[in-house]
Protein backbone atom coordinates (compact mmCIF):
# COMPACT_ATOMS: atom_id res chain seq x y z
CA UNK A 1 0.00 0.00 0.00
CA UNK A 2 1.40 3.40 -0.93
CA UNK A 3 0.82 6.43 1.24
CA UNK A 4 1.62 9.74 -0.41
CA UNK A 5 2.89 12.62 1.70
CA UNK A 6 3.11 10.79 5.00
CA UNK A 7 5.79 8.54 6.40
CA UNK A 8 5.60 6.63 9.65
CA UNK A 9 8.38 4.82 11.44
CA UNK A 10 7.44 1.59 13.23
CA UNK A 11 9.45 0.32 16.21
CA UNK A 12 8.63 -2.81 18.22
CA UNK A 13 9.99 -4.35 21.38
CA UNK A 14 9.43 -7.00 24.02
CA UNK A 15 8.97 -5.09 27.26
CA UNK A 16 8.65 -1.61 28.73
CA UNK A 17 7.53 0.20 31.87
CA UNK A 18 5.27 3.19 32.45
CA UNK A 19 6.37 5.30 35.41
CA UNK A 20 4.77 7.96 37.55
CA UNK A 21 7.92 9.61 38.88
CA UNK A 22 10.05 6.69 40.02
CA UNK A 23 7.01 4.49 40.79
CA UNK A 24 5.87 1.85 38.34
CA UNK A 25 2.38 2.49 36.97
CA UNK A 26 2.42 -0.42 34.50
CA UNK A 27 4.64 -3.30 33.46
CA UNK A 28 4.26 -3.93 29.74
CA UNK A 29 4.96 -6.83 27.43
CA UNK A 30 5.25 -6.63 23.65
CA UNK A 31 4.90 -3.04 22.44
CA UNK A 32 4.73 -1.05 19.20
CA UNK A 33 5.35 2.58 18.27
CA UNK A 34 3.97 3.88 14.99
CA UNK A 35 4.44 7.60 14.52
CA UNK A 36 3.40 9.06 17.88
CA UNK A 37 1.05 6.16 18.75
CA UNK A 38 2.16 3.65 21.38
CA UNK A 39 0.41 0.34 22.08
CA UNK A 40 1.43 -2.50 24.37
CA UNK A 41 0.22 -5.65 26.09
CA UNK A 42 -0.32 -5.01 29.80
CA UNK A 43 1.41 -7.45 32.16
CA UNK A 44 0.58 -5.58 35.38
CA UNK A 45 -1.04 -2.20 36.02
CA UNK A 46 -1.63 -0.01 39.06
CA UNK A 47 -5.17 1.27 38.46
CA UNK A 48 -4.56 4.52 40.34
CA UNK A 49 -1.06 5.45 39.16
CA UNK A 50 -1.86 4.87 35.48
CA UNK A 51 -4.52 7.61 35.70
CA UNK A 52 -2.12 10.22 37.10
CA UNK A 53 0.21 12.65 35.33
CA UNK A 54 2.91 13.06 34.23
CA UNK A 55 3.58 9.51 33.00
CA UNK A 56 6.82 8.41 31.37
CA UNK A 57 7.44 5.46 29.09
CA UNK A 58 10.73 3.71 29.85
CA UNK A 59 12.29 1.25 27.40
CA UNK A 60 15.38 -0.64 28.56
CA UNK A 61 18.27 -0.59 26.11
CA UNK A 62 20.75 -3.44 25.96
CA UNK A 63 23.66 -1.00 25.73
CA UNK A 64 23.31 2.20 27.70
CA UNK A 65 20.65 4.06 29.63
CA UNK A 66 16.94 3.48 29.04
CA UNK A 67 15.00 5.47 26.47
CA UNK A 68 12.35 7.62 28.16
CA UNK A 69 9.50 9.58 26.61
CA UNK A 70 6.55 11.41 28.14
CA UNK A 71 3.18 9.88 27.26
CA UNK A 72 -0.36 11.30 27.34
CA UNK A 73 -3.89 10.15 26.52
CA UNK A 74 -3.22 6.81 28.23
CA UNK A 75 -5.96 4.20 28.25
CA UNK A 76 -6.03 0.57 29.30
CA UNK A 77 -8.69 -1.68 27.84
CA UNK A 78 -8.88 -5.48 27.75
CA UNK A 79 -5.21 -5.96 28.57
CA UNK A 80 -3.99 -3.43 26.00
CA UNK A 81 -2.48 -0.02 26.77
CA UNK A 82 -2.57 2.77 24.23
CA UNK A 83 -1.02 6.22 24.53
CA UNK A 84 0.42 9.10 22.56
CA UNK A 85 4.13 9.89 22.74
CA UNK A 86 5.12 13.53 23.12
CA UNK A 87 8.45 15.23 22.62
CA UNK A 88 10.51 15.84 25.72
CA UNK A 89 10.04 19.34 27.04
CA UNK A 90 6.61 19.79 25.44
């Protein structure tokens, strides 16, 4: 399928964490980023913390520090988390 005028990068991984400060709001399994959309399988979630702000997505890197990105518009439904990634400092 060809899409004219729009390109989207897709990145996938095996696990990630959503944090509220240093506290874990959700432990995630397989995840996917497409453009600014983030989706993941929920392994464990704290029902209160996941509704608070600001939330940060943390992806462990094999070599070096974790990748972190702020996330907004977070929802959890039927074991699936979806959110929108935002640029740092925005």
